[in-house]
PDB file of N, CA and C in Angstrom:
ATOM      1  N   MET A   1      10.700 -15.436   6.207  1.00  0.00           N
ATOM      2  CA  MET A   1      11.172 -14.222   6.910  1.00  0.00           C
ATOM      3  C   MET A   1      10.016 -13.126   6.195  1.00  0.00           C
ATOM      4  N   ASN A   2       9.667 -12.280   6.764  1.00  0.00           N
ATOM      5  CA  ASN A   2       8.627 -11.104   6.387  1.00  0.00           C
ATOM      6  C   ASN A   2       9.553 -10.105   6.029  1.00  0.00           C
ATOM      7  N   ARG A   3       8.897  -9.815   4.398  1.00  0.00           N
ATOM      8  CA  ARG A   3      10.138  -9.016   3.717  1.00  0.00           C
ATOM      9  C   ARG A   3       9.175  -7.865   4.004  1.00  0.00           C
ATOM     10  N   THR A   4       9.759  -6.127   4.147  1.00  0.00           N
ATOM     11  CA  THR A   4       9.167  -5.017   4.341  1.00  0.00           C
ATOM     12  C   THR A   4       9.887  -4.399   3.573  1.00  0.00           C
ATOM     13  N   LEU A   5       8.918  -3.142   2.588  1.00  0.00           N
ATOM     14  CA  LEU A   5       9.565  -2.532   1.969  1.00  0.00           C
ATOM     15  C   LEU A   5       9.208  -1.087   2.130  1.00  0.00           C
ATOM     16  N   ARG A   6       9.775  -0.053   2.014  1.00  0.00           N
ATOM     17  CA  ARG A   6       9.302   1.713   2.362  1.00  0.00           C
ATOM     18  C   ARG A   6       9.295   1.973   0.553  1.00  0.00           C
ATOM     19  N   ILE A   7       8.194   2.422   0.262  1.00  0.00           N
ATOM     20  CA  ILE A   7       7.876   3.036  -0.930  1.00  0.00           C
ATOM     21  C   ILE A   7       7.830   4.423  -0.669  1.00  0.00           C
ATOM     22  N   THR A   8       8.677   5.277  -1.582  1.00  0.00           N
ATOM     23  CA  THR A   8       8.262   6.554  -1.817  1.00  0.00           C
ATOM     24  C   THR A   8       7.633   6.746  -3.730  1.00  0.00           C
ATOM     25  N   THR A   9       6.642   7.569  -3.471  1.00  0.00           N
ATOM     26  CA  THR A   9       6.320   7.552  -4.995  1.00  0.00           C
ATOM     27  C   THR A   9       6.601   9.076  -5.563  1.00  0.00           C
ATOM     28  N   ALA A  10       6.465   9.554  -6.576  1.00  0.00           N
ATOM     29  CA  ALA A  10       6.734  10.473  -7.063  1.00  0.00           C
ATOM     30  C   ALA A  10       5.978  12.085  -6.491  1.00  0.00           C
ATOM     31  N   THR A  11       4.611  11.777  -6.001  1.00  0.00           N
ATOM     32  CA  THR A  11       4.262  13.056  -5.311  1.00  0.00           C
ATOM     33  C   THR A  11       4.181  12.596  -3.757  1.00  0.00           C
ATOM     34  N   ASP A  12       5.769  12.274  -3.398  1.00  0.00           N
ATOM     35  CA  ASP A  12       6.363  11.885  -2.019  1.00  0.00           C
ATOM     36  C   ASP A  12       4.851  11.598  -0.855  1.00  0.00           C
ATOM     37  N   SER A  13       4.246  10.428  -1.254  1.00  0.00           N
ATOM     38  CA  SER A  13       3.581   9.460  -0.411  1.00  0.00           C
ATOM     39  C   SER A  13       4.163   8.401  -0.230  1.00  0.00           C
ATOM     40  N   VAL A  14       4.509   8.242   0.962  1.00  0.00           N
ATOM     41  CA  VAL A  14       5.350   6.957   1.601  1.00  0.00           C
ATOM     42  C   VAL A  14       4.479   5.372   2.051  1.00  0.00           C
ATOM     43  N   TYR A  15       4.718   4.651   1.313  1.00  0.00           N
ATOM     44  CA  TYR A  15       3.675   3.505   1.860  1.00  0.00           C
ATOM     45  C   TYR A  15       4.710   1.932   2.261  1.00  0.00           C
ATOM     46  N   THR A  16       4.700   1.897   3.182  1.00  0.00           N
ATOM     47  CA  THR A  16       5.560   0.776   3.542  1.00  0.00           C
ATOM     48  C   THR A  16       4.499  -0.679   3.723  1.00  0.00           C
ATOM     49  N   ILE A  17       5.112  -1.519   2.727  1.00  0.00           N
ATOM     50  CA  ILE A  17       4.278  -2.714   2.817  1.00  0.00           C
ATOM     51  C   ILE A  17       5.247  -4.071   3.298  1.00  0.00           C
ATOM     52  N   THR A  18       4.411  -4.633   3.958  1.00  0.00           N
ATOM     53  CA  THR A  18       5.020  -6.164   4.622  1.00  0.00           C
ATOM     54  C   THR A  18       4.753  -7.312   3.616  1.00  0.00           C
ATOM     55  N   GLU A  19       5.625  -7.654   3.334  1.00  0.00           N
ATOM     56  CA  GLU A  19       4.805  -9.615   2.553  1.00  0.00           C
ATOM     57  C   GLU A  19       5.437 -10.470   3.661  1.00  0.00           C
ATOM     58  N   ARG A  20       4.291 -11.102   4.454  1.00  0.00           N
ATOM     59  CA  ARG A  20       4.682 -12.017   5.459  1.00  0.00           C
ATOM     60  C   ARG A  20       4.932 -13.303   5.074  1.00  0.00           C
ATOM     61  N   ASP A  21       5.242 -14.442   5.866  1.00  0.00           N
ATOM     62  CA  ASP A  21       5.888 -15.593   5.471  1.00  0.00           C
ATOM     63  C   ASP A  21       4.965 -16.381   4.857  1.00  0.00           C
ATOM     64  N   ASN A  22       3.418 -16.044   5.143  1.00  0.00           N
ATOM     65  CA  ASN A  22       2.336 -17.216   4.702  1.00  0.00           C
ATOM     66  C   ASN A  22       1.389 -16.464   3.791  1.00  0.00           C
ATOM     67  N   GLY A  23       2.344 -15.365   3.210  1.00  0.00           N
ATOM     68  CA  GLY A  23       1.686 -14.807   1.712  1.00  0.00           C
ATOM     69  C   GLY A  23       0.520 -13.562   2.193  1.00  0.00           C
ATOM     70  N   VAL A  24       0.975 -13.354   3.079  1.00  0.00           N
ATOM     71  CA  VAL A  24      -0.646 -12.151   3.477  1.00  0.00           C
ATOM     72  C   VAL A  24       0.341 -10.490   3.627  1.00  0.00           C
ATOM     73  N   PHE A  25      -0.230 -10.134   2.717  1.00  0.00           N
ATOM     74  CA  PHE A  25       0.496  -8.689   2.400  1.00  0.00           C
ATOM     75  C   PHE A  25      -0.576  -7.392   3.874  1.00  0.00           C
ATOM     76  N   THR A  26       0.418  -6.398   4.269  1.00  0.00           N
ATOM     77  CA  THR A  26      -0.278  -5.274   4.844  1.00  0.00           C
ATOM     78  C   THR A  26       0.402  -4.135   4.392  1.00  0.00           C
ATOM     79  N   VAL A  27      -0.313  -2.821   4.384  1.00  0.00           N
ATOM     80  CA  VAL A  27       0.192  -1.559   3.888  1.00  0.00           C
ATOM     81  C   VAL A  27      -0.127  -0.587   5.078  1.00  0.00           C
ATOM     82  N   ARG A  28       0.795   0.213   5.384  1.00  0.00           N
ATOM     83  CA  ARG A  28       0.266   1.742   6.249  1.00  0.00           C
ATOM     84  C   ARG A  28       0.730   2.645   5.498  1.00  0.00           C
ATOM     85  N   GLY A  29       0.431   3.714   5.155  1.00  0.00           N
ATOM     86  CA  GLY A  29       0.814   4.869   4.194  1.00  0.00           C
ATOM     87  C   GLY A  29       0.796   6.346   4.749  1.00  0.00           C
ATOM     88  N   GLU A  30       1.780   7.048   4.455  1.00  0.00           N
ATOM     89  CA  GLU A  30       1.521   8.276   4.818  1.00  0.00           C
ATOM     90  C   GLU A  30       1.668   9.307   3.012  1.00  0.00           C
ATOM     91  N   ASN A  31       0.661   8.748   2.884  1.00  0.00           N
ATOM     92  CA  ASN A  31       0.290   9.117   1.202  1.00  0.00           C
ATOM     93  C   ASN A  31      -0.326  10.595   1.558  1.00  0.00           C
ATOM     94  N   THR A  32       0.002  11.195   0.179  1.00  0.00           N
ATOM     95  CA  THR A  32      -0.475  12.514   0.271  1.00  0.00           C
ATOM     96  C   THR A  32      -1.657  12.569  -0.353  1.00  0.00           C
ATOM     97  N   PRO A  33      -2.846  12.821   0.227  1.00  0.00           N
ATOM     98  CA  PRO A  33      -4.570  13.109   0.303  1.00  0.00           C
ATOM     99  C   PRO A  33      -4.613  13.955  -0.927  1.00  0.00           C
ATOM    100  N   SER A  34      -5.734  13.673  -1.669  1.00  0.00           N
ATOM    101  CA  SER A  34      -5.960  14.117  -3.027  1.00  0.00           C
ATOM    102  C   SER A  34      -7.790  14.269  -3.191  1.00  0.00           C
ATOM    103  N   MET A  35      -8.051  14.875  -4.459  1.00  0.00           N
ATOM    104  CA  MET A  35      -9.518  14.721  -4.666  1.00  0.00           C
ATOM    105  C   MET A  35      -9.958  13.188  -4.714  1.00  0.00           C
ATOM    106  N   THR A  36      -8.951  12.207  -4.845  1.00  0.00           N
ATOM    107  CA  THR A  36      -9.209  10.936  -5.676  1.00  0.00           C
ATOM    108  C   THR A  36      -8.615   9.831  -4.739  1.00  0.00           C
ATOM    109  N   SER A  37      -7.937  10.550  -3.637  1.00  0.00           N
ATOM    110  CA  SER A  37      -6.918   9.293  -3.000  1.00  0.00           C
ATOM    111  C   SER A  37      -6.923   9.883  -1.352  1.00  0.00           C
ATOM    112  N   GLN A  38      -7.723   9.308  -0.734  1.00  0.00           N
ATOM    113  CA  GLN A  38      -8.469   9.345   0.494  1.00  0.00           C
ATOM    114  C   GLN A  38      -6.740   8.890   1.478  1.00  0.00           C
ATOM    115  N   PRO A  39      -6.578   9.714   2.727  1.00  0.00           N
ATOM    116  CA  PRO A  39      -5.493   9.326   3.517  1.00  0.00           C
ATOM    117  C   PRO A  39      -5.627   7.759   4.166  1.00  0.00           C
ATOM    118  N   LEU A  40      -4.451   7.036   4.253  1.00  0.00           N
ATOM    119  CA  LEU A  40      -4.429   5.632   5.041  1.00  0.00           C
ATOM    120  C   LEU A  40      -4.358   5.501   6.397  1.00  0.00           C
ATOM    121  N   GLY A  41      -3.700   6.884   6.879  1.00  0.00           N
ATOM    122  CA  GLY A  41      -3.653   7.171   8.646  1.00  0.00           C
ATOM    123  C   GLY A  41      -2.708   6.217   8.892  1.00  0.00           C
ATOM    124  N   ALA A  42      -2.711   6.034  10.285  1.00  0.00           N
ATOM    125  CA  ALA A  42      -1.610   5.128  10.730  1.00  0.00           C
ATOM    126  C   ALA A  42      -1.960   3.682  10.830  1.00  0.00           C
ATOM    127  N   ASP A  43      -3.420   3.332  10.614  1.00  0.00           N
ATOM    128  CA  ASP A  43      -3.284   2.057  10.899  1.00  0.00           C
ATOM    129  C   ASP A  43      -2.775   0.988   9.832  1.00  0.00           C
ATOM    130  N   GLU A  44      -2.639  -0.322  10.036  1.00  0.00           N
ATOM    131  CA  GLU A  44      -1.859  -1.135   9.317  1.00  0.00           C
ATOM    132  C   GLU A  44      -3.637  -1.816   8.128  1.00  0.00           C
ATOM    133  N   TRP A  45      -3.390  -1.721   7.043  1.00  0.00           N
ATOM    134  CA  TRP A  45      -4.478  -2.379   6.512  1.00  0.00           C
ATOM    135  C   TRP A  45      -4.074  -4.068   5.365  1.00  0.00           C
ATOM    136  N   PHE A  46      -4.878  -4.785   5.679  1.00  0.00           N
ATOM    137  CA  PHE A  46      -4.357  -6.262   4.777  1.00  0.00           C
ATOM    138  C   PHE A  46      -4.795  -5.934   3.313  1.00  0.00           C
ATOM    139  N   ILE A  47      -3.961  -6.481   2.610  1.00  0.00           N
ATOM    140  CA  ILE A  47      -4.091  -6.063   0.816  1.00  0.00           C
ATOM    141  C   ILE A  47      -4.059  -7.075   0.246  1.00  0.00           C
ATOM    142  N   LYS A  48      -4.460  -7.214  -0.818  1.00  0.00           N
ATOM    143  CA  LYS A  48      -4.305  -8.560  -1.601  1.00  0.00           C
ATOM    144  C   LYS A  48      -2.931  -8.159  -2.055  1.00  0.00           C
ATOM    145  N   GLN A  49      -2.021  -9.089  -2.786  1.00  0.00           N
ATOM    146  CA  GLN A  49      -0.825  -9.052  -3.285  1.00  0.00           C
ATOM    147  C   GLN A  49      -0.480  -7.703  -4.178  1.00  0.00           C
ATOM    148  N   PRO A  50       0.097  -6.930  -4.236  1.00  0.00           N
ATOM    149  CA  PRO A  50       0.145  -5.454  -5.179  1.00  0.00           C
ATOM    150  C   PRO A  50       0.718  -5.736  -6.618  1.00  0.00           C
ATOM    151  N   THR A  51       0.758  -5.156  -7.375  1.00  0.00           N
ATOM    152  CA  THR A  51       0.871  -5.200  -8.705  1.00  0.00           C
ATOM    153  C   THR A  51       1.689  -3.901  -9.540  1.00  0.00           C
ATOM    154  N   PRO A  52       3.013  -4.071  -9.883  1.00  0.00           N
ATOM    155  CA  PRO A  52       3.820  -4.978  -9.707  1.00  0.00           C
ATOM    156  C   PRO A  52       4.215  -5.510  -8.325  1.00  0.00           C
ATOM    157  N   TRP A  53       4.607  -6.432  -8.150  1.00  0.00           N
ATOM    158  CA  TRP A  53       5.568  -7.028  -6.834  1.00  0.00           C
ATOM    159  C   TRP A  53       6.716  -7.980  -7.375  1.00  0.00           C
ATOM    160  N   PRO A  54       8.039  -7.382  -6.659  1.00  0.00           N
ATOM    161  CA  PRO A  54       7.924  -6.511  -6.222  1.00  0.00           C
ATOM    162  C   PRO A  54       7.932  -5.064  -6.711  1.00  0.00           C
ATOM    163  N   PRO A  55       7.599  -3.887  -6.482  1.00  0.00           N
ATOM    164  CA  PRO A  55       7.403  -2.662  -7.189  1.00  0.00           C
ATOM    165  C   PRO A  55       8.641  -2.615  -7.640  1.00  0.00           C
ATOM    166  N   MET A  56       8.528  -1.553  -8.770  1.00  0.00           N
ATOM    167  CA  MET A  56       9.752  -1.032  -9.759  1.00  0.00           C
ATOM    168  C   MET A  56       9.519   0.278  -9.707  1.00  0.00           C
ATOM    169  N   CYS A  57      11.187   1.052  -9.550  1.00  0.00           N
ATOM    170  CA  CYS A  57      10.525   2.597  -9.693  1.00  0.00           C
ATOM    171  C   CYS A  57      10.410   2.566 -11.165  1.00  0.00           C
ATOM    172  N   GLY A  58       9.371   4.000 -11.501  1.00  0.00           N
ATOM    173  CA  GLY A  58       9.106   4.516 -12.823  1.00  0.00           C
ATOM    174  C   GLY A  58       7.530   4.225 -12.732  1.00  0.00           C
ATOM    175  N   GLN A  59       7.359   2.540 -12.341  1.00  0.00           N
ATOM    176  CA  GLN A  59       5.613   2.372 -12.656  1.00  0.00           C
ATOM    177  C   GLN A  59       4.941   2.483 -11.393  1.00  0.00           C
ATOM    178  N   GLN A  60       3.551   3.008 -11.869  1.00  0.00           N
ATOM    179  CA  GLN A  60       2.728   2.867 -10.555  1.00  0.00           C
ATOM    180  C   GLN A  60       2.237   1.631 -10.118  1.00  0.00           C
ATOM    181  N   LEU A  61       2.107   1.405  -8.461  1.00  0.00           N
ATOM    182  CA  LEU A  61       2.027   0.123  -7.352  1.00  0.00           C
ATOM    183  C   LEU A  61       0.122   0.333  -7.500  1.00  0.00           C
ATOM    184  N   HIS A  62      -0.195  -0.841  -7.891  1.00  0.00           N
ATOM    185  CA  HIS A  62      -1.887  -1.423  -7.571  1.00  0.00           C
ATOM    186  C   HIS A  62      -1.870  -1.993  -6.341  1.00  0.00           C
ATOM    187  N   PHE A  63      -2.723  -1.673  -5.686  1.00  0.00           N
ATOM    188  CA  PHE A  63      -3.395  -2.713  -4.641  1.00  0.00           C
ATOM    189  C   PHE A  63      -4.470  -2.221  -3.674  1.00  0.00           C
ATOM    190  N   GLU A  64      -5.120  -3.598  -3.361  1.00  0.00           N
ATOM    191  CA  GLU A  64      -6.698  -3.021  -2.878  1.00  0.00           C
ATOM    192  C   GLU A  64      -6.455  -3.748  -1.648  1.00  0.00           C
ATOM    193  N   SER A  65      -7.458  -3.321  -1.042  1.00  0.00           N
ATOM    194  CA  SER A  65      -8.056  -4.076   0.530  1.00  0.00           C
ATOM    195  C   SER A  65      -8.576  -5.656   0.234  1.00  0.00           C
ATOM    196  N   VAL A  66      -8.046  -6.964   1.144  1.00  0.00           N
ATOM    197  CA  VAL A  66      -8.754  -7.827   1.129  1.00  0.00           C
ATOM    198  C   VAL A  66     -10.207  -7.581   1.230  1.00  0.00           C
ATOM    199  N   TYR A  67     -10.735  -6.607   1.692  1.00  0.00           N
ATOM    200  CA  TYR A  67     -12.246  -6.453   1.851  1.00  0.00           C
ATOM    201  C   TYR A  67     -12.737  -5.512   0.851  1.00  0.00           C
ATOM    202  N   VAL A  68     -12.325  -5.375  -0.147  1.00  0.00           N
ATOM    203  CA  VAL A  68     -12.625  -4.485  -1.172  1.00  0.00           C
ATOM    204  C   VAL A  68     -14.473  -4.372  -1.366  1.00  0.00           C
ATOM    205  N   ASP A  69     -14.612  -5.518  -1.453  1.00  0.00           N
ATOM    206  CA  ASP A  69     -16.348  -6.046  -1.570  1.00  0.00           C
ATOM    207  C   ASP A  69     -17.048  -5.559  -0.264  1.00  0.00           C
ATOM    208  N   ALA A  70     -16.301  -5.382   0.492  1.00  0.00           N
ATOM    209  CA  ALA A  70     -17.269  -5.263   1.990  1.00  0.00           C
ATOM    210  C   ALA A  70     -18.082  -3.282   1.949  1.00  0.00           C
ATOM    211  N   ASP A  71     -19.085  -3.397   2.496  1.00  0.00           N
ATOM    212  CA  ASP A  71     -19.540  -2.430   2.961  1.00  0.00           C
ATOM    213  C   ASP A  71     -18.561  -0.918   3.200  1.00  0.00           C
ATOM    214  N   PHE A  72     -18.550   0.101   2.845  1.00  0.00           N
ATOM    215  CA  PHE A  72     -17.616   0.945   2.898  1.00  0.00           C
ATOM    216  C   PHE A  72     -17.314   1.192   4.412  1.00  0.00           C
ATOM    217  N   ASP A  73     -18.203   1.019   5.369  1.00  0.00           N
ATOM    218  CA  ASP A  73     -18.087   1.333   7.032  1.00  0.00           C
ATOM    219  C   ASP A  73     -17.707  -0.155   7.706  1.00  0.00           C
ATOM    220  N   THR A  74     -17.377  -1.081   6.960  1.00  0.00           N
ATOM    221  CA  THR A  74     -16.618  -2.081   7.251  1.00  0.00           C
ATOM    222  C   THR A  74     -15.291  -1.570   8.046  1.00  0.00           C
ATOM    223  N   PRO A  75     -14.935  -2.082   9.347  1.00  0.00           N
ATOM    224  CA  PRO A  75     -13.446  -1.129   9.748  1.00  0.00           C
ATOM    225  C   PRO A  75     -12.067  -2.014   9.512  1.00  0.00           C
ATOM    226  N   LEU A  76     -12.439  -3.149   8.841  1.00  0.00           N
ATOM    227  CA  LEU A  76     -11.089  -3.510   8.414  1.00  0.00           C
ATOM    228  C   LEU A  76     -10.812  -3.040   6.714  1.00  0.00           C
ATOM    229  N   ARG A  77     -11.865  -2.578   6.549  1.00  0.00           N
ATOM    230  CA  ARG A  77     -11.915  -2.088   4.987  1.00  0.00           C
ATOM    231  C   ARG A  77     -10.804  -0.699   4.585  1.00  0.00           C
ATOM    232  N   MET A  78      -9.988  -0.679   4.126  1.00  0.00           N
ATOM    233  CA  MET A  78      -8.971  -0.040   3.612  1.00  0.00           C
ATOM    234  C   MET A  78     -10.016   1.397   3.033  1.00  0.00           C
ATOM    235  N   PRO A  79      -9.463   2.531   3.356  1.00  0.00           N
ATOM    236  CA  PRO A  79      -9.969   3.993   2.994  1.00  0.00           C
ATOM    237  C   PRO A  79      -9.873   3.639   1.446  1.00  0.00           C
ATOM    238  N   GLY A  80     -11.133   3.876   0.670  1.00  0.00           N
ATOM    239  CA  GLY A  80     -11.083   3.911  -0.701  1.00  0.00           C
ATOM    240  C   GLY A  80     -11.157   2.724  -1.361  1.00  0.00           C
ATOM    241  N   GLY A  81     -10.851   1.552  -0.454  1.00  0.00           N
ATOM    242  CA  GLY A  81     -10.762   0.452  -1.247  1.00  0.00           C
ATOM    243  C   GLY A  81      -9.741  -0.458  -1.644  1.00  0.00           C
ATOM    244  N   GLY A  82      -8.635   0.722  -2.162  1.00  0.00           N
ATOM    245  CA  GLY A  82      -7.419   0.493  -2.967  1.00  0.00           C
ATOM    246  C   GLY A  82      -6.501   1.524  -2.887  1.00  0.00           C
ATOM    247  N   LYS A  83      -5.749   1.203  -4.063  1.00  0.00           N
ATOM    248  CA  LYS A  83      -4.797   2.623  -4.407  1.00  0.00           C
ATOM    249  C   LYS A  83      -4.076   2.420  -5.451  1.00  0.00           C
ATOM    250  N   VAL A  84      -4.045   3.144  -6.735  1.00  0.00           N
ATOM    251  CA  VAL A  84      -3.336   3.217  -7.593  1.00  0.00           C
ATOM    252  C   VAL A  84      -1.972   4.537  -7.455  1.00  0.00           C
ATOM    253  N   THR A  85      -0.727   4.223  -7.343  1.00  0.00           N
ATOM    254  CA  THR A  85      -0.230   5.207  -7.047  1.00  0.00           C
ATOM    255  C   THR A  85       0.117   5.993  -7.642  1.00  0.00           C
ATOM    256  N   SER A  86       1.004   7.198  -7.539  1.00  0.00           N
ATOM    257  CA  SER A  86       1.760   7.792  -8.638  1.00  0.00           C
ATOM    258  C   SER A  86       3.345   7.020  -8.939  1.00  0.00           C
ATOM    259  N   PRO A  87       3.982   7.518  -9.950  1.00  0.00           N
ATOM    260  CA  PRO A  87       4.955   6.213  -9.990  1.00  0.00           C
ATOM    261  C   PRO A  87       6.042   6.129  -8.989  1.00  0.00           C
ATOM    262  N   VAL A  88       6.561   5.047  -9.028  1.00  0.00           N
ATOM    263  CA  VAL A  88       7.637   4.985  -7.735  1.00  0.00           C
ATOM    264  C   VAL A  88       9.003   5.523  -7.642  1.00  0.00           C
ATOM    265  N   ARG A  89       9.358   6.467  -6.623  1.00  0.00           N
ATOM    266  CA  ARG A  89      10.499   6.655  -7.261  1.00  0.00           C
ATOM    267  C   ARG A  89      11.583   5.996  -6.337  1.00  0.00           C
ATOM    268  N   LEU A  90      11.093   5.223  -5.308  1.00  0.00           N
ATOM    269  CA  LEU A  90      12.377   4.615  -4.659  1.00  0.00           C
ATOM    270  C   LEU A  90      11.595   3.304  -3.396  1.00  0.00           C
ATOM    271  N   VAL A  91      12.582   2.527  -3.439  1.00  0.00           N
ATOM    272  CA  VAL A  91      12.264   1.168  -2.852  1.00  0.00           C
ATOM    273  C   VAL A  91      13.167   1.226  -1.751  1.00  0.00           C
ATOM    274  N   GLN A  92      13.065   1.164  -0.424  1.00  0.00           N
ATOM    275  CA  GLN A  92      13.786   0.957   0.104  1.00  0.00           C
ATOM    276  C   GLN A  92      13.741  -0.262   1.019  1.00  0.00           C
ATOM    277  N   PRO A  93      14.525  -1.160   1.261  1.00  0.00           N
ATOM    278  CA  PRO A  93      13.924  -2.497   2.562  1.00  0.00           C
ATOM    279  C   PRO A  93      13.874  -1.985   3.575  1.00  0.00           C
ATOM    280  N   VAL A  94      13.300  -2.486   4.737  1.00  0.00           N
ATOM    281  CA  VAL A  94      13.037  -1.835   6.194  1.00  0.00           C
ATOM    282  C   VAL A  94      13.702  -2.927   7.063  1.00  0.00           C
ATOM    283  N   GLY A  95      14.538  -2.635   7.940  1.00  0.00           N
ATOM    284  CA  GLY A  95      14.797  -3.709   9.115  1.00  0.00           C
ATOM    285  C   GLY A  95      15.899  -4.464   8.491  1.00  0.00           C
ATOM    286  N   LEU A  96      17.076  -4.433   7.346  1.00  0.00           N
ATOM    287  CA  LEU A  96      17.839  -4.725   7.612  1.00  0.00           C
ATOM    288  C   LEU A  96      19.242  -4.459   7.959  1.00  0.00           C
TER     289      LEU A  96
END
């Protein structure tokens, strides 16, 4: 059974990460853009397993595109190639 978590960070960015039964992870983000963080937009991006997983309140969450080594203009490559979030403030299960 897939597990989806809605993660809110200290900067009010919101990431929805799904761990699928087959071990594949995806992320959607309503992140707060900054000089060092590009917006993810409405698309769903394939990522490697985040660390820590599951996320823990008070800790930063690290994740990167499975296509992090691809050219910057590769359509499936997540903007910026990966993220290091501000500390996690709230973790909510989705769809329960």
